[in-house]
Amino acid sequence: MEIKPSPVQEIKEELFKEKNVRVFIKREDLNHPIVSGNKWRKLKYNLQEAKNQEHQTLLTFGGAYSNHIYAVAGAGKAYGFETIGIIRGEEIPPLNKTLSFAVSCGMKLHYLNRSDYREKNARNVKQTLHNLFTPFYEIPEGGTNNLAIKGCTEIIQELEHDYDHYCLSVGTGGTISGIIQGLKGSSNVVGFSSLKGSFLTSEVKKLNSEYSDNLYENWQINNDFHFGGYAKTKPDLLEFMEGFESRQGVLLDPVYTGKAMYGLYQLIHNDHFNSGDRILFIHTGGLQGRKGFGL
């Protein structure tokens, strides 16, 4: 399950020249032919553990447009697992492109109404799933657990150079936790929340404390660029993405990476960084999410 390190390239902009900062992007969107971005990092050691436990089936959770559902379905097909997707809400035919892809990979879809889905970790819901399906290896919604964090530390281990700041989008907190643990307290990490609210700071603290006794403090979550909440956008975000993609030739998605890159540009514009700083933006993939917005 080894893959080549994803490339790093520099982004050139007049703004960066004016502020005397250099910005680089690690192209995790190119790290795997099927399961790209942070999803590959999160799944790598979970797939190995499922094999170690001699499981033949993966079961996981997600919404109808979930990058994670898409990734688990693709990974299952590629690495010889049956897959089951527990989908939030009711089935709405025809299936969207995300769920159609999942089914084409052999994933069985099982729908839970939203109230039951909110209780998916409750003992009675867990027991119902075990009664319904053959033995399975469970991967949490979004893929975040200690094995996922371990996989994400390898993003840092691949790098040939050090940077003053590491920036990325944050959803469930697993990827940024891997970056924090991989850096071992060096440099500064800025996570841009794609969700409305400020709860991710405590969630990332919790994930790091469960993963390691080393509680680093060289990170922060910026909550200013969620654009209304998860999967919500505004015209200025889409306009920014279009301009960035035409200048740089790098695609972003409006759920995660587009918001984070927009936030990074705003921080640079507002002199958040020091003159001479080197900044690495970690592209966490998720480009299949563009389909839900007609991009």
Protein backbone atom coordinates (compact mmCIF):
# COMPACT_ATOMS: atom_id res chain seq x y z
CA MET A 1 0.00 0.00 0.00
CA GLU A 2 2.97 2.31 -0.42
CA ILE A 3 2.72 5.26 -2.78
CA LYS A 4 5.18 7.86 -4.02
CA PRO A 5 5.38 11.13 -2.04
CA SER A 6 3.03 13.78 -3.39
CA PRO A 7 4.80 16.72 -5.05
CA VAL A 8 5.32 20.20 -3.62
CA GLN A 9 5.15 23.23 -5.90
CA GLU A 10 5.44 26.96 -5.34
CA ILE A 11 2.51 29.32 -5.89
CA LYS A 12 3.51 32.68 -7.33
CA GLU A 13 1.30 35.73 -6.79
CA GLU A 14 1.87 39.47 -6.78
CA LEU A 15 0.34 39.54 -3.29
CA PHE A 16 3.00 37.16 -1.99
CA LYS A 17 5.75 39.19 -3.63
CA GLU A 18 4.36 42.37 -2.09
CA LYS A 19 4.23 40.80 1.40
CA ASN A 20 7.58 39.03 0.94
CA VAL A 21 6.30 35.54 1.73
CA ARG A 22 6.72 32.34 -0.24
CA VAL A 23 3.81 29.92 -0.51
CA PHE A 24 4.08 26.27 -1.48
CA ILE A 25 1.40 23.64 -1.93
CA LYS A 26 1.75 19.94 -1.19
CA ARG A 27 -0.40 18.19 -3.77
CA GLU A 28 -2.03 15.50 -1.70
CA ASP A 29 -4.78 15.54 -4.32
CA LEU A 30 -2.29 13.65 -6.50
CA ASN A 31 -1.16 11.06 -3.95
CA HIS A 32 -3.33 8.11 -5.00
CA PRO A 33 -5.05 7.21 -8.29
CA ILE A 34 -8.35 6.25 -6.63
CA VAL A 35 -8.40 7.35 -2.97
CA SER A 36 -6.64 10.70 -3.06
CA GLY A 37 -5.84 13.37 -0.51
CA ASN A 38 -6.16 13.00 3.22
CA LYS A 39 -8.62 10.14 2.69
CA TRP A 40 -5.79 7.89 1.55
CA ARG A 41 -3.70 8.89 4.56
CA LYS A 42 -6.59 8.13 6.90
CA LEU A 43 -7.47 4.80 5.32
CA LYS A 44 -4.00 3.35 4.79
CA TYR A 45 -3.42 1.91 8.27
CA ASN A 46 -7.11 1.16 8.79
CA LEU A 47 -7.04 -1.07 5.71
CA GLN A 48 -3.94 -2.80 7.04
CA GLU A 49 -5.59 -3.33 10.42
CA ALA A 50 -8.73 -4.73 8.79
CA LYS A 51 -6.56 -7.25 6.94
CA ASN A 52 -4.66 -8.08 10.14
CA GLN A 53 -7.97 -8.83 11.84
CA GLU A 54 -8.97 -10.94 8.80
CA HIS A 55 -12.03 -8.84 8.05
CA GLN A 56 -13.46 -8.96 4.55
CA THR A 57 -15.96 -6.13 4.98
CA LEU A 58 -15.60 -2.44 5.81
CA LEU A 59 -18.51 -0.47 7.25
CA THR A 60 -18.54 3.29 7.57
CA PHE A 61 -20.80 6.34 7.80
CA GLY A 62 -21.40 9.54 5.84
CA GLY A 63 -23.73 11.92 4.09
CA ALA A 64 -24.96 11.66 0.54
CA TYR A 65 -22.06 13.74 -0.83
CA SER A 66 -19.38 12.40 1.52
CA ASN A 67 -15.78 12.31 0.32
CA HIS A 68 -15.25 9.59 2.90
CA ILE A 69 -18.00 7.32 1.55
CA TYR A 70 -16.56 7.82 -1.93
CA ALA A 71 -13.05 6.99 -0.73
CA VAL A 72 -14.00 3.88 1.27
CA ALA A 73 -15.96 2.51 -1.66
CA GLY A 74 -13.02 3.05 -4.00
CA ALA A 75 -10.53 1.63 -1.52
CA GLY A 76 -12.68 -1.43 -0.94
CA LYS A 77 -12.81 -2.20 -4.64
CA ALA A 78 -9.08 -1.57 -5.07
CA TYR A 79 -7.93 -3.65 -2.10
CA GLY A 80 -10.42 -6.48 -2.08
CA PHE A 81 -12.93 -5.55 0.63
CA GLU A 82 -16.70 -5.62 0.60
CA THR A 83 -18.04 -2.25 1.72
CA ILE A 84 -21.16 -1.00 3.48
CA GLY A 85 -22.07 2.68 3.64
CA ILE A 86 -24.47 3.89 6.35
CA ILE A 87 -25.94 7.01 4.78
CA ARG A 88 -27.49 9.91 6.70
CA GLY A 89 -31.09 10.57 5.64
CA GLU A 90 -33.50 8.89 3.25
CA GLU A 91 -32.73 7.54 -0.20
CA ILE A 92 -33.44 10.11 -2.90
CA PRO A 93 -33.50 8.60 -6.39
CA PRO A 94 -31.80 8.95 -8.73
CA LEU A 95 -28.54 8.57 -6.84
CA ASN A 96 -26.14 11.51 -7.01
CA LYS A 97 -22.67 11.05 -8.51
CA THR A 98 -21.02 10.33 -5.17
CA LEU A 99 -23.40 7.52 -4.25
CA SER A 100 -23.54 6.24 -7.83
CA PHE A 101 -19.77 5.85 -7.75
CA ALA A 102 -19.98 4.07 -4.41
CA VAL A 103 -22.53 1.60 -5.76
CA SER A 104 -20.45 1.06 -8.91
CA CYS A 105 -17.60 0.00 -6.62
CA GLY A 106 -19.85 -2.57 -4.98
CA MET A 107 -20.76 -0.64 -1.82
CA LYS A 108 -24.05 -1.61 -0.20
CA LEU A 109 -25.96 1.47 0.95
CA HIS A 110 -28.08 1.46 4.09
CA TYR A 111 -29.98 4.61 5.03
CA LEU A 112 -30.61 5.89 8.56
CA ASN A 113 -33.07 8.70 9.25
CA ARG A 114 -31.39 11.75 10.71
CA SER A 115 -32.46 11.16 14.30
CA ASP A 116 -31.13 7.59 14.27
CA TYR A 117 -28.01 8.74 12.49
CA ARG A 118 -27.26 11.22 15.26
CA GLU A 119 -27.30 8.23 17.63
CA LYS A 120 -25.14 6.04 15.39
CA ASN A 121 -22.63 5.46 18.19
CA ALA A 122 -25.27 4.36 20.67
CA ARG A 123 -25.19 0.73 21.76
CA ASN A 124 -28.63 -0.14 20.35
CA VAL A 125 -27.82 1.30 16.91
CA LYS A 126 -24.46 -0.51 16.87
CA GLN A 127 -26.19 -3.77 17.78
CA THR A 128 -28.77 -3.30 15.01
CA LEU A 129 -25.98 -2.89 12.45
CA HIS A 130 -24.21 -5.99 13.71
CA ASN A 131 -27.47 -7.92 13.43
CA LEU A 132 -28.07 -6.70 9.89
CA PHE A 133 -24.65 -7.34 8.41
CA THR A 134 -21.89 -9.93 8.40
CA PRO A 135 -18.85 -9.23 10.64
CA PHE A 136 -17.24 -5.95 9.62
CA TYR A 137 -14.37 -3.62 10.40
CA GLU A 138 -15.85 -0.26 11.36
CA ILE A 139 -14.29 2.99 10.20
CA PRO A 140 -15.76 6.12 11.84
CA GLU A 141 -17.45 8.92 9.92
CA GLY A 142 -14.78 11.02 8.24
CA GLY A 143 -12.24 8.25 8.87
CA THR A 144 -10.67 9.90 11.91
CA ASN A 145 -9.16 7.61 14.55
CA ASN A 146 -5.64 6.96 15.87
CA LEU A 147 -4.70 4.94 12.78
CA ALA A 148 -5.84 7.82 10.59
CA ILE A 149 -3.72 10.28 12.58
CA LYS A 150 -0.73 7.94 12.20
CA GLY A 151 -1.23 7.96 8.44
CA CYS A 152 -1.42 11.75 8.33
CA THR A 153 1.90 12.13 10.17
CA GLU A 154 3.50 10.75 7.01
CA ILE A 155 2.57 13.92 5.14
CA ILE A 156 5.24 15.65 7.23
CA GLN A 157 7.69 12.77 7.04
CA GLU A 158 7.72 13.02 3.24
CA LEU A 159 8.82 16.65 3.15
CA GLU A 160 12.35 17.52 2.07
CA HIS A 161 12.24 21.07 3.47
CA ASP A 162 10.97 22.82 6.58
CA TYR A 163 8.46 25.65 6.57
CA ASP A 164 7.50 28.36 9.04
CA HIS A 165 3.77 27.68 8.74
CA TYR A 166 1.66 24.69 7.68
CA CYS A 167 -1.91 25.49 6.58
CA LEU A 168 -4.82 23.20 5.75
CA SER A 169 -8.56 22.74 5.88
CA VAL A 170 -10.12 21.09 8.93
CA GLY A 171 -13.26 18.93 9.02
CA THR A 172 -13.16 16.19 11.66
CA GLY A 173 -9.69 17.14 12.94
CA GLY A 174 -7.81 13.97 12.03
CA THR A 175 -5.52 15.39 9.37
CA ILE A 176 -4.44 18.43 11.35
CA SER A 177 -3.80 16.15 14.34
CA GLY A 178 -1.46 14.11 12.16
CA ILE A 179 0.32 17.27 11.02
CA ILE A 180 0.70 18.44 14.64
CA GLN A 181 2.08 15.08 15.73
CA GLY A 182 4.33 14.85 12.70
CA LEU A 183 5.90 18.23 13.37
CA LYS A 184 6.56 17.38 17.04
CA GLY A 185 6.18 20.96 18.20
CA SER A 186 8.18 22.70 15.48
CA SER A 187 6.84 25.51 13.26
CA ASN A 188 3.23 26.75 13.33
CA VAL A 189 0.07 25.01 12.14
CA VAL A 190 -3.03 26.93 11.01
CA GLY A 191 -6.21 24.97 10.39
CA PHE A 192 -9.13 26.60 8.60
CA SER A 193 -12.44 25.21 9.81
CA SER A 194 -14.95 24.32 7.11
CA LEU A 195 -17.66 24.09 9.79
CA LYS A 196 -19.59 26.79 11.59
CA GLY A 197 -18.75 27.15 15.29
CA SER A 198 -15.62 26.97 17.41
CA PHE A 199 -15.82 23.39 18.70
CA LEU A 200 -12.99 22.06 16.55
CA THR A 201 -10.29 23.43 18.84
CA SER A 202 -11.46 21.23 21.71
CA GLU A 203 -11.97 18.30 19.34
CA VAL A 204 -8.41 18.53 18.03
CA LYS A 205 -7.09 18.76 21.59
CA LYS A 206 -9.05 15.60 22.44
CA LEU A 207 -7.76 13.72 19.38
CA ASN A 208 -4.16 14.64 20.14
CA SER A 209 -4.46 13.65 23.81
CA GLU A 210 -5.88 10.26 22.81
CA TYR A 211 -3.11 9.72 20.28
CA SER A 212 -0.08 10.77 22.30
CA ASP A 213 1.11 12.08 25.65
CA ASN A 214 2.84 14.89 23.73
CA LEU A 215 0.40 17.81 23.79
CA TYR A 216 1.87 20.39 21.45
CA GLU A 217 0.65 23.99 21.40
CA ASN A 218 2.03 25.16 18.05
CA TRP A 219 -1.35 25.22 16.31
CA GLN A 220 -4.60 27.13 16.01
CA ILE A 221 -7.99 26.77 14.34
CA ASN A 222 -9.26 29.74 12.35
CA ASN A 223 -13.08 29.87 12.31
CA ASP A 224 -13.52 32.92 10.09
CA PHE A 225 -13.84 31.32 6.66
CA HIS A 226 -16.57 28.68 6.85
CA PHE A 227 -18.82 30.71 4.50
CA GLY A 228 -21.97 29.79 6.41
CA GLY A 229 -21.12 26.25 7.46
CA TYR A 230 -20.41 22.80 6.09
CA ALA A 231 -20.94 22.52 2.32
CA LYS A 232 -22.21 26.11 2.15
CA THR A 233 -20.69 28.65 -0.21
CA LYS A 234 -20.96 32.28 -1.23
CA PRO A 235 -20.30 33.93 -4.59
CA ASP A 236 -16.99 35.47 -3.49
CA LEU A 237 -15.64 32.02 -2.57
CA LEU A 238 -16.53 30.55 -5.96
CA GLU A 239 -15.11 33.62 -7.70
CA PHE A 240 -11.86 33.26 -5.74
CA MET A 241 -11.63 29.57 -6.64
CA GLU A 242 -12.16 30.27 -10.32
CA GLY A 243 -9.42 32.90 -10.33
CA PHE A 244 -7.00 30.72 -8.39
CA GLU A 245 -7.58 27.74 -10.66
CA SER A 246 -7.08 29.77 -13.83
CA ARG A 247 -3.83 31.30 -12.56
CA GLN A 248 -2.32 28.27 -10.84
CA GLY A 249 -3.78 25.30 -12.71
CA VAL A 250 -4.72 23.65 -9.40
CA LEU A 251 -8.33 22.65 -8.66
CA LEU A 252 -9.92 23.31 -5.27
CA ASP A 253 -13.22 22.18 -3.81
CA PRO A 254 -15.80 24.53 -2.25
CA VAL A 255 -16.30 22.42 0.90
CA TYR A 256 -12.75 22.25 2.24
CA THR A 257 -9.70 23.38 0.26
CA GLY A 258 -11.32 26.37 -1.41
CA LYS A 259 -12.26 27.88 1.96
CA ALA A 260 -8.83 27.18 3.41
CA MET A 261 -6.97 28.71 0.48
CA TYR A 262 -9.26 31.76 0.56
CA GLY A 263 -8.48 32.12 4.26
CA LEU A 264 -4.75 31.84 3.67
CA TYR A 265 -4.83 34.63 1.07
CA GLN A 266 -6.78 36.84 3.48
CA LEU A 267 -4.28 36.24 6.31
CA ILE A 268 -1.40 37.09 4.00
CA HIS A 269 -3.21 40.23 2.84
CA ASN A 270 -3.76 41.24 6.47
CA ASP A 271 -0.06 40.81 7.39
CA HIS A 272 -0.68 37.81 9.63
CA PHE A 273 2.70 36.35 8.64
CA ASN A 274 6.18 37.83 8.93
CA SER A 275 8.25 39.07 6.02
CA GLY A 276 10.39 36.22 4.74
CA ASP A 277 8.12 33.44 6.00
CA ARG A 278 7.77 30.18 4.06
CA ILE A 279 4.24 28.77 4.10
CA LEU A 280 3.14 25.28 3.08
CA PHE A 281 -0.51 24.75 2.14
CA ILE A 282 -1.51 21.08 2.32
CA HIS A 283 -4.04 20.26 -0.40
CA THR A 284 -6.22 17.61 1.25
CA GLY A 285 -7.98 16.47 -1.94
CA GLY A 286 -11.75 16.05 -1.86
CA LEU A 287 -12.15 17.13 -5.48
CA GLN A 288 -15.03 14.73 -6.06
CA GLY A 289 -17.00 17.17 -3.91
CA ARG A 290 -16.96 19.63 -6.81
CA LYS A 291 -19.57 17.50 -8.59
CA GLY A 292 -22.26 18.39 -6.08
CA PHE A 293 -21.80 22.07 -7.00
CA GLY A 294 -21.77 21.54 -10.76
CA LEU A 295 -18.06 22.35 -11.02
